Amino acid sequence: MPVSLLPKYLTDSVTDLTPQFLTQRGIRLLMLDFDNTLVPYTRDVPTQEIRDWLEGMKRSDIQVCIVSNSHRQRVPDFCREYGLDCITYARKPFPKGIRQCLERYRIPASQAALVGDQIYTDTLGANGTGVTPILVRAIDNHTFWLKARHVLELPFIFAARNRRIDK
């Protein structure tokens, strides 16, 4: 698989992704990062907009699974609360968790997308496994390290700027 740090698509929020957009691109499985993609690192409760979006995705033909590097119980607790499947300890950008998800749903990589806020884990992991990478703006870069990481990602975001999804 190609090693690339460029996302296929860029968007501000997961809520910009519709079942129609995904279906038109042959996506049947949507893997979602958790922290700073669905909720900030500092909270476990999604906004009403995210809750409504998750409910809409569950009513669609798109399968949804949280694929997180987290070792904390908050991810499985969140998934239980909102009726979602999850894979934790995913070790992104390594293929372990992404492949586990593909196998669980029996969907080929070409029909899956991974949405996340980090190029060096989510985008690189998706590209390395043949899954469509979708980069979303981080919900809250509240620490020095998150801000520094974002600065290091800016050249790749700039290079992929023409891949932005129009709302």
N, C-alpha and C. Protein backbone atom coordinates (compact mmCIF):
# COMPACT_ATOMS: atom_id res chain seq x y z
N MET A 1 0.84 -1.18 0.00
CA MET A 1 0.00 0.00 0.00
C MET A 1 0.89 1.25 0.00
N PRO A 2 0.39 2.31 -0.57
CA PRO A 2 1.19 3.53 -0.62
C PRO A 2 1.33 4.16 0.77
N VAL A 3 2.47 4.76 1.00
CA VAL A 3 2.67 5.51 2.24
C VAL A 3 2.50 6.97 1.89
N SER A 4 1.42 7.55 2.36
CA SER A 4 1.11 8.94 2.04
C SER A 4 0.55 9.64 3.26
N LEU A 5 0.90 10.89 3.41
CA LEU A 5 0.36 11.70 4.48
C LEU A 5 -0.73 12.65 4.00
N LEU A 6 -1.19 12.44 2.76
CA LEU A 6 -2.24 13.29 2.22
C LEU A 6 -3.60 12.61 2.34
N PRO A 7 -4.56 13.31 2.93
CA PRO A 7 -5.91 12.76 2.98
C PRO A 7 -6.58 12.82 1.61
N LYS A 8 -7.51 11.93 1.37
CA LYS A 8 -8.30 11.95 0.14
C LYS A 8 -9.30 13.11 0.18
N TYR A 9 -9.86 13.35 1.39
CA TYR A 9 -10.83 14.43 1.57
C TYR A 9 -10.51 15.19 2.86
N LEU A 10 -10.85 16.46 2.86
CA LEU A 10 -10.73 17.33 4.04
C LEU A 10 -12.11 17.92 4.34
N THR A 11 -12.42 18.04 5.62
CA THR A 11 -13.66 18.69 6.00
C THR A 11 -13.53 19.23 7.42
N ASP A 12 -14.42 20.11 7.80
CA ASP A 12 -14.34 20.71 9.12
C ASP A 12 -14.83 19.78 10.22
N SER A 13 -15.82 18.95 9.93
CA SER A 13 -16.45 18.12 10.96
C SER A 13 -16.99 16.84 10.34
N VAL A 14 -17.10 15.81 11.16
CA VAL A 14 -17.71 14.56 10.67
C VAL A 14 -19.14 14.80 10.21
N THR A 15 -19.79 15.80 10.78
CA THR A 15 -21.19 16.06 10.42
C THR A 15 -21.34 16.54 8.98
N ASP A 16 -20.22 16.90 8.34
CA ASP A 16 -20.27 17.27 6.91
C ASP A 16 -20.39 16.03 6.02
N LEU A 17 -20.12 14.87 6.57
CA LEU A 17 -20.17 13.62 5.79
C LEU A 17 -21.59 13.07 5.82
N THR A 18 -22.18 12.92 4.67
CA THR A 18 -23.53 12.39 4.59
C THR A 18 -23.49 10.96 4.05
N PRO A 19 -24.51 10.18 4.34
CA PRO A 19 -24.57 8.84 3.74
C PRO A 19 -24.52 8.91 2.22
N GLN A 20 -25.13 9.93 1.62
CA GLN A 20 -25.13 10.07 0.17
C GLN A 20 -23.72 10.30 -0.36
N PHE A 21 -22.97 11.19 0.30
CA PHE A 21 -21.58 11.46 -0.10
C PHE A 21 -20.77 10.17 -0.05
N LEU A 22 -20.90 9.42 1.03
CA LEU A 22 -20.12 8.19 1.19
C LEU A 22 -20.55 7.12 0.19
N THR A 23 -21.84 6.94 0.03
CA THR A 23 -22.35 5.93 -0.90
C THR A 23 -21.92 6.23 -2.33
N GLN A 24 -21.96 7.49 -2.72
CA GLN A 24 -21.53 7.87 -4.08
C GLN A 24 -20.07 7.52 -4.34
N ARG A 25 -19.29 7.39 -3.28
CA ARG A 25 -17.86 7.06 -3.42
C ARG A 25 -17.58 5.60 -3.09
N GLY A 26 -18.63 4.81 -2.98
CA GLY A 26 -18.48 3.38 -2.75
C GLY A 26 -18.10 3.01 -1.33
N ILE A 27 -18.29 3.92 -0.37
CA ILE A 27 -17.94 3.67 1.02
C ILE A 27 -19.12 3.00 1.73
N ARG A 28 -18.86 1.81 2.29
CA ARG A 28 -19.89 1.08 3.03
C ARG A 28 -19.57 0.99 4.53
N LEU A 29 -18.30 1.25 4.89
CA LEU A 29 -17.87 1.19 6.28
C LEU A 29 -17.14 2.48 6.62
N LEU A 30 -17.61 3.15 7.67
CA LEU A 30 -16.99 4.39 8.12
C LEU A 30 -16.37 4.14 9.49
N MET A 31 -15.04 4.18 9.52
CA MET A 31 -14.30 4.06 10.77
C MET A 31 -14.08 5.47 11.30
N LEU A 32 -14.34 5.67 12.57
CA LEU A 32 -14.23 6.99 13.17
C LEU A 32 -13.21 6.99 14.30
N ASP A 33 -12.27 7.91 14.25
CA ASP A 33 -11.43 8.18 15.40
C ASP A 33 -12.35 8.75 16.49
N PHE A 34 -11.91 8.72 17.73
CA PHE A 34 -12.75 9.18 18.82
C PHE A 34 -12.35 10.57 19.31
N ASP A 35 -11.19 10.63 19.97
CA ASP A 35 -10.75 11.88 20.59
C ASP A 35 -10.44 12.95 19.56
N ASN A 36 -11.06 14.10 19.75
CA ASN A 36 -10.89 15.29 18.93
C ASN A 36 -11.50 15.15 17.53
N THR A 37 -12.17 14.01 17.29
CA THR A 37 -12.92 13.82 16.05
C THR A 37 -14.42 13.84 16.37
N LEU A 38 -14.82 13.08 17.39
CA LEU A 38 -16.22 13.07 17.83
C LEU A 38 -16.44 13.92 19.09
N VAL A 39 -15.50 13.83 20.01
CA VAL A 39 -15.56 14.60 21.26
C VAL A 39 -14.16 15.13 21.57
N PRO A 40 -14.06 16.23 22.32
CA PRO A 40 -12.73 16.70 22.73
C PRO A 40 -12.09 15.69 23.70
N TYR A 41 -10.78 15.75 23.81
CA TYR A 41 -10.08 14.88 24.77
C TYR A 41 -10.60 15.08 26.18
N THR A 42 -11.09 16.25 26.46
CA THR A 42 -11.48 16.61 27.82
C THR A 42 -12.93 16.30 28.16
N ARG A 43 -13.70 15.74 27.19
CA ARG A 43 -15.11 15.44 27.44
C ARG A 43 -15.49 14.09 26.86
N ASP A 44 -16.58 13.54 27.37
CA ASP A 44 -17.09 12.27 26.87
C ASP A 44 -18.48 12.40 26.27
N VAL A 45 -19.03 13.60 26.29
CA VAL A 45 -20.39 13.81 25.82
C VAL A 45 -20.33 14.59 24.51
N PRO A 46 -20.90 14.02 23.45
CA PRO A 46 -20.89 14.72 22.16
C PRO A 46 -21.91 15.86 22.14
N THR A 47 -21.70 16.77 21.23
CA THR A 47 -22.68 17.84 21.02
C THR A 47 -23.97 17.22 20.47
N GLN A 48 -25.05 17.98 20.53
CA GLN A 48 -26.31 17.51 19.95
C GLN A 48 -26.15 17.27 18.46
N GLU A 49 -25.37 18.11 17.78
CA GLU A 49 -25.15 17.95 16.35
C GLU A 49 -24.47 16.60 16.04
N ILE A 50 -23.49 16.23 16.84
CA ILE A 50 -22.81 14.94 16.66
C ILE A 50 -23.77 13.79 16.97
N ARG A 51 -24.55 13.92 18.04
CA ARG A 51 -25.53 12.86 18.38
C ARG A 51 -26.53 12.67 17.24
N ASP A 52 -27.05 13.77 16.70
CA ASP A 52 -28.00 13.67 15.59
C ASP A 52 -27.34 13.03 14.37
N TRP A 53 -26.09 13.41 14.09
CA TRP A 53 -25.37 12.84 12.95
C TRP A 53 -25.17 11.33 13.14
N LEU A 54 -24.77 10.92 14.34
CA LEU A 54 -24.59 9.49 14.61
C LEU A 54 -25.89 8.72 14.41
N GLU A 55 -27.00 9.29 14.88
CA GLU A 55 -28.30 8.64 14.69
C GLU A 55 -28.65 8.52 13.21
N GLY A 56 -28.37 9.57 12.45
CA GLY A 56 -28.62 9.53 11.01
C GLY A 56 -27.76 8.48 10.32
N MET A 57 -26.51 8.36 10.72
CA MET A 57 -25.63 7.35 10.12
C MET A 57 -26.12 5.95 10.47
N LYS A 58 -26.59 5.75 11.68
CA LYS A 58 -27.09 4.42 12.07
C LYS A 58 -28.34 4.04 11.28
N ARG A 59 -29.12 5.03 10.84
CA ARG A 59 -30.32 4.75 10.04
C ARG A 59 -29.98 4.51 8.57
N SER A 60 -28.75 4.78 8.18
CA SER A 60 -28.34 4.61 6.78
C SER A 60 -27.78 3.21 6.54
N ASP A 61 -27.35 2.98 5.31
CA ASP A 61 -26.73 1.71 4.97
C ASP A 61 -25.23 1.69 5.28
N ILE A 62 -24.70 2.78 5.81
CA ILE A 62 -23.27 2.87 6.13
C ILE A 62 -23.04 2.24 7.51
N GLN A 63 -22.11 1.28 7.57
CA GLN A 63 -21.71 0.70 8.86
C GLN A 63 -20.76 1.68 9.53
N VAL A 64 -20.86 1.83 10.86
CA VAL A 64 -20.02 2.77 11.60
C VAL A 64 -19.34 2.04 12.74
N CYS A 65 -18.03 2.28 12.88
CA CYS A 65 -17.26 1.69 13.97
C CYS A 65 -16.22 2.69 14.45
N ILE A 66 -16.11 2.87 15.76
CA ILE A 66 -15.06 3.71 16.33
C ILE A 66 -13.78 2.89 16.34
N VAL A 67 -12.71 3.45 15.80
CA VAL A 67 -11.39 2.81 15.80
C VAL A 67 -10.44 3.79 16.47
N SER A 68 -10.10 3.49 17.72
CA SER A 68 -9.36 4.44 18.55
C SER A 68 -8.07 3.82 19.11
N ASN A 69 -7.08 4.64 19.26
CA ASN A 69 -5.85 4.21 19.91
C ASN A 69 -5.98 4.22 21.43
N SER A 70 -7.07 4.71 21.93
CA SER A 70 -7.25 4.89 23.37
C SER A 70 -7.20 3.56 24.12
N HIS A 71 -6.65 3.65 25.32
CA HIS A 71 -6.62 2.52 26.24
C HIS A 71 -7.63 2.73 27.36
N ARG A 72 -8.34 3.81 27.32
CA ARG A 72 -9.25 4.17 28.41
C ARG A 72 -10.63 3.58 28.20
N GLN A 73 -11.31 3.37 29.30
CA GLN A 73 -12.66 2.79 29.29
C GLN A 73 -13.69 3.75 28.70
N ARG A 74 -13.34 5.02 28.59
CA ARG A 74 -14.32 6.01 28.11
C ARG A 74 -14.80 5.72 26.70
N VAL A 75 -13.96 5.11 25.85
CA VAL A 75 -14.39 4.82 24.48
C VAL A 75 -15.45 3.71 24.47
N PRO A 76 -15.19 2.54 25.09
CA PRO A 76 -16.26 1.52 25.12
C PRO A 76 -17.53 2.01 25.83
N ASP A 77 -17.37 2.82 26.87
CA ASP A 77 -18.55 3.36 27.57
C ASP A 77 -19.36 4.25 26.63
N PHE A 78 -18.69 5.12 25.89
CA PHE A 78 -19.35 6.00 24.92
C PHE A 78 -20.08 5.15 23.88
N CYS A 79 -19.41 4.14 23.35
CA CYS A 79 -19.99 3.31 22.30
C CYS A 79 -21.21 2.55 22.81
N ARG A 80 -21.15 2.07 24.02
CA ARG A 80 -22.30 1.39 24.61
C ARG A 80 -23.47 2.37 24.74
N GLU A 81 -23.18 3.58 25.21
CA GLU A 81 -24.20 4.61 25.40
C GLU A 81 -24.90 4.99 24.09
N TYR A 82 -24.13 5.04 22.99
CA TYR A 82 -24.69 5.50 21.72
C TYR A 82 -24.89 4.39 20.70
N GLY A 83 -24.80 3.14 21.14
CA GLY A 83 -25.10 2.01 20.27
C GLY A 83 -24.13 1.83 19.12
N LEU A 84 -22.83 2.02 19.39
CA LEU A 84 -21.81 1.90 18.36
C LEU A 84 -20.86 0.75 18.68
N ASP A 85 -20.26 0.21 17.66
CA ASP A 85 -19.22 -0.79 17.81
C ASP A 85 -17.89 -0.06 17.95
N CYS A 86 -16.90 -0.70 18.59
CA CYS A 86 -15.60 -0.03 18.69
C CYS A 86 -14.46 -1.03 18.73
N ILE A 87 -13.32 -0.52 18.33
CA ILE A 87 -12.04 -1.21 18.44
C ILE A 87 -11.12 -0.24 19.13
N THR A 88 -10.58 -0.64 20.29
CA THR A 88 -9.64 0.20 21.00
C THR A 88 -8.25 -0.42 20.88
N TYR A 89 -7.25 0.28 21.37
CA TYR A 89 -5.85 -0.15 21.23
C TYR A 89 -5.52 -0.39 19.75
N ALA A 90 -6.03 0.44 18.89
CA ALA A 90 -5.91 0.22 17.44
C ALA A 90 -4.48 0.36 16.92
N ARG A 91 -3.66 1.14 17.61
CA ARG A 91 -2.25 1.33 17.25
C ARG A 91 -2.05 2.03 15.90
N LYS A 92 -2.98 2.89 15.51
CA LYS A 92 -2.80 3.65 14.29
C LYS A 92 -1.53 4.48 14.42
N PRO A 93 -0.70 4.57 13.43
CA PRO A 93 -0.91 4.30 12.02
C PRO A 93 -0.63 2.84 11.61
N PHE A 94 -0.27 2.00 12.54
CA PHE A 94 -0.05 0.60 12.18
C PHE A 94 -1.39 -0.04 11.79
N PRO A 95 -1.38 -1.08 10.99
CA PRO A 95 -2.63 -1.60 10.41
C PRO A 95 -3.49 -2.45 11.34
N LYS A 96 -3.01 -2.81 12.52
CA LYS A 96 -3.72 -3.75 13.40
C LYS A 96 -5.22 -3.46 13.56
N GLY A 97 -5.56 -2.32 14.11
CA GLY A 97 -6.95 -1.99 14.40
C GLY A 97 -7.79 -1.78 13.15
N ILE A 98 -7.19 -1.18 12.14
CA ILE A 98 -7.92 -0.94 10.88
C ILE A 98 -8.25 -2.27 10.22
N ARG A 99 -7.29 -3.16 10.15
CA ARG A 99 -7.54 -4.49 9.56
C ARG A 99 -8.54 -5.29 10.38
N GLN A 100 -8.45 -5.18 11.70
CA GLN A 100 -9.40 -5.86 12.57
C GLN A 100 -10.83 -5.40 12.27
N CYS A 101 -11.00 -4.11 12.05
CA CYS A 101 -12.32 -3.57 11.72
C CYS A 101 -12.80 -4.09 10.36
N LEU A 102 -11.92 -4.07 9.37
CA LEU A 102 -12.29 -4.57 8.04
C LEU A 102 -12.70 -6.04 8.12
N GLU A 103 -11.98 -6.82 8.88
CA GLU A 103 -12.30 -8.25 9.02
C GLU A 103 -13.62 -8.44 9.75
N ARG A 104 -13.84 -7.65 10.79
CA ARG A 104 -15.08 -7.77 11.57
C ARG A 104 -16.31 -7.53 10.70
N TYR A 105 -16.22 -6.55 9.81
CA TYR A 105 -17.36 -6.20 8.96
C TYR A 105 -17.33 -6.89 7.60
N ARG A 106 -16.24 -7.61 7.32
CA ARG A 106 -16.08 -8.32 6.05
C ARG A 106 -16.29 -7.38 4.86
N ILE A 107 -15.64 -6.24 4.95
CA ILE A 107 -15.72 -5.23 3.90
C ILE A 107 -14.30 -4.97 3.40
N PRO A 108 -14.09 -4.95 2.09
CA PRO A 108 -12.74 -4.68 1.57
C PRO A 108 -12.33 -3.23 1.85
N ALA A 109 -11.03 -3.04 1.96
CA ALA A 109 -10.50 -1.71 2.25
C ALA A 109 -10.98 -0.66 1.26
N SER A 110 -11.16 -1.05 0.02
CA SER A 110 -11.59 -0.10 -1.02
C SER A 110 -13.00 0.44 -0.77
N GLN A 111 -13.76 -0.19 0.13
CA GLN A 111 -15.12 0.25 0.44
C GLN A 111 -15.23 0.80 1.86
N ALA A 112 -14.08 1.23 2.40
CA ALA A 112 -14.06 1.76 3.76
C ALA A 112 -13.34 3.10 3.78
N ALA A 113 -13.70 3.92 4.77
CA ALA A 113 -13.04 5.20 5.01
C ALA A 113 -12.73 5.32 6.49
N LEU A 114 -11.66 6.02 6.79
CA LEU A 114 -11.29 6.31 8.17
C LEU A 114 -11.28 7.82 8.34
N VAL A 115 -12.07 8.31 9.28
CA VAL A 115 -12.17 9.74 9.57
C VAL A 115 -11.43 10.02 10.87
N GLY A 116 -10.53 10.99 10.81
CA GLY A 116 -9.80 11.36 12.01
C GLY A 116 -9.21 12.74 11.90
N ASP A 117 -8.68 13.21 13.02
CA ASP A 117 -8.15 14.57 13.08
C ASP A 117 -6.63 14.63 12.98
N GLN A 118 -5.96 13.49 12.86
CA GLN A 118 -4.50 13.49 12.84
C GLN A 118 -3.94 12.85 11.57
N ILE A 119 -3.06 13.57 10.93
CA ILE A 119 -2.42 13.06 9.72
C ILE A 119 -1.48 11.91 10.04
N TYR A 120 -0.69 12.04 11.12
CA TYR A 120 0.36 11.06 11.40
C TYR A 120 -0.16 9.75 11.97
N THR A 121 -1.42 9.69 12.35
CA THR A 121 -2.01 8.43 12.80
C THR A 121 -3.14 8.00 11.86
N ASP A 122 -4.18 8.82 11.77
CA ASP A 122 -5.38 8.45 11.02
C ASP A 122 -5.16 8.41 9.51
N THR A 123 -4.65 9.49 8.95
CA THR A 123 -4.45 9.54 7.50
C THR A 123 -3.39 8.54 7.05
N LEU A 124 -2.27 8.51 7.75
CA LEU A 124 -1.20 7.58 7.39
C LEU A 124 -1.67 6.13 7.53
N GLY A 125 -2.40 5.83 8.60
CA GLY A 125 -2.93 4.47 8.80
C GLY A 125 -3.91 4.07 7.72
N ALA A 126 -4.80 4.99 7.35
CA ALA A 126 -5.77 4.69 6.30
C ALA A 126 -5.07 4.46 4.97
N ASN A 127 -4.18 5.36 4.60
CA ASN A 127 -3.47 5.21 3.33
C ASN A 127 -2.66 3.92 3.29
N GLY A 128 -2.06 3.56 4.39
CA GLY A 128 -1.24 2.35 4.44
C GLY A 128 -2.01 1.06 4.33
N THR A 129 -3.31 1.10 4.56
CA THR A 129 -4.14 -0.10 4.47
C THR A 129 -5.10 -0.07 3.28
N GLY A 130 -5.04 0.98 2.47
CA GLY A 130 -5.91 1.07 1.31
C GLY A 130 -7.30 1.59 1.61
N VAL A 131 -7.48 2.14 2.80
CA VAL A 131 -8.75 2.72 3.22
C VAL A 131 -8.73 4.21 2.85
N THR A 132 -9.87 4.77 2.50
CA THR A 132 -9.97 6.19 2.16
C THR A 132 -9.79 7.05 3.40
N PRO A 133 -8.77 7.92 3.41
CA PRO A 133 -8.58 8.80 4.57
C PRO A 133 -9.35 10.11 4.43
N ILE A 134 -10.08 10.45 5.50
CA ILE A 134 -10.81 11.71 5.55
C ILE A 134 -10.32 12.47 6.78
N LEU A 135 -9.75 13.63 6.56
CA LEU A 135 -9.22 14.43 7.66
C LEU A 135 -10.23 15.48 8.07
N VAL A 136 -10.54 15.53 9.36
CA VAL A 136 -11.42 16.56 9.91
C VAL A 136 -10.60 17.49 10.79
N ARG A 137 -11.09 18.69 10.93
CA ARG A 137 -10.45 19.67 11.82
C ARG A 137 -10.61 19.16 13.26
N ALA A 138 -9.52 19.20 14.01
CA ALA A 138 -9.57 18.80 15.42
C ALA A 138 -10.57 19.68 16.17
N ILE A 139 -11.33 19.07 17.05
CA ILE A 139 -12.34 19.81 17.81
C ILE A 139 -11.69 20.83 18.73
N ASP A 140 -10.59 20.45 19.41
CA ASP A 140 -9.97 21.36 20.37
C ASP A 140 -8.50 21.00 20.55
N ASN A 141 -7.61 21.80 19.99
CA ASN A 141 -6.17 21.64 20.23
C ASN A 141 -5.82 22.42 21.49
N HIS A 142 -6.15 21.85 22.64
CA HIS A 142 -6.08 22.57 23.91
C HIS A 142 -4.72 22.51 24.61
N THR A 143 -3.78 21.73 24.11
CA THR A 143 -2.47 21.66 24.76
C THR A 143 -1.39 22.11 23.78
N PHE A 144 -0.23 22.42 24.34
CA PHE A 144 0.91 22.80 23.51
C PHE A 144 1.22 21.71 22.49
N TRP A 145 1.20 20.45 22.91
CA TRP A 145 1.58 19.34 22.02
C TRP A 145 0.59 19.16 20.88
N LEU A 146 -0.68 19.32 21.16
CA LEU A 146 -1.68 19.23 20.08
C LEU A 146 -1.52 20.39 19.10
N LYS A 147 -1.24 21.56 19.60
CA LYS A 147 -1.01 22.71 18.72
C LYS A 147 0.26 22.51 17.89
N ALA A 148 1.32 22.00 18.51
CA ALA A 148 2.57 21.75 17.80
C ALA A 148 2.37 20.70 16.71
N ARG A 149 1.65 19.63 17.02
CA ARG A 149 1.36 18.60 16.03
C ARG A 149 0.62 19.19 14.84
N HIS A 150 -0.35 20.04 15.13
CA HIS A 150 -1.12 20.67 14.06
C HIS A 150 -0.22 21.51 13.16
N VAL A 151 0.71 22.24 13.73
CA VAL A 151 1.64 23.05 12.94
C VAL A 151 2.44 22.14 12.01
N LEU A 152 2.88 20.98 12.49
CA LEU A 152 3.64 20.04 11.67
C LEU A 152 2.79 19.43 10.55
N GLU A 153 1.48 19.42 10.75
CA GLU A 153 0.57 18.87 9.73
C GLU A 153 0.19 19.89 8.65
N LEU A 154 0.41 21.16 8.91
CA LEU A 154 -0.04 22.22 8.00
C LEU A 154 0.46 22.06 6.55
N PRO A 155 1.72 21.66 6.31
CA PRO A 155 2.12 21.51 4.90
C PRO A 155 1.29 20.45 4.15
N PHE A 156 0.89 19.40 4.84
CA PHE A 156 0.10 18.34 4.20
C PHE A 156 -1.34 18.79 4.00
N ILE A 157 -1.85 19.54 4.96
CA ILE A 157 -3.19 20.09 4.82
C ILE A 157 -3.22 21.07 3.65
N PHE A 158 -2.20 21.90 3.55
CA PHE A 158 -2.10 22.85 2.43
C PHE A 158 -2.02 22.11 1.10
N ALA A 159 -1.21 21.05 1.05
CA ALA A 159 -1.06 20.29 -0.20
C ALA A 159 -2.37 19.63 -0.63
N ALA A 160 -3.24 19.32 0.34
CA ALA A 160 -4.51 18.65 0.03
C ALA A 160 -5.69 19.62 0.03
N ARG A 161 -5.43 20.91 0.03
CA ARG A 161 -6.50 21.90 0.17
C ARG A 161 -7.58 21.81 -0.91
N ASN A 162 -7.23 21.33 -2.09
CA ASN A 162 -8.22 21.21 -3.17
C ASN A 162 -9.10 19.97 -2.99
N ARG A 163 -8.90 19.21 -1.93
CA ARG A 163 -9.70 18.02 -1.66
C ARG A 163 -10.80 18.29 -0.63
N ARG A 164 -11.02 19.56 -0.33
CA ARG A 164 -12.01 19.94 0.66
C ARG A 164 -13.41 19.57 0.19
N ILE A 165 -14.20 19.04 1.11
CA ILE A 165 -15.59 18.69 0.82
C ILE A 165 -16.43 19.95 0.97
N ASP A 166 -17.20 20.26 -0.05
CA ASP A 166 -18.12 21.39 0.05
C ASP A 166 -19.35 20.95 0.81
N LYS A 167 -19.81 21.83 1.66
CA LYS A 167 -21.01 21.50 2.46
C LYS A 167 -22.25 21.58 1.61
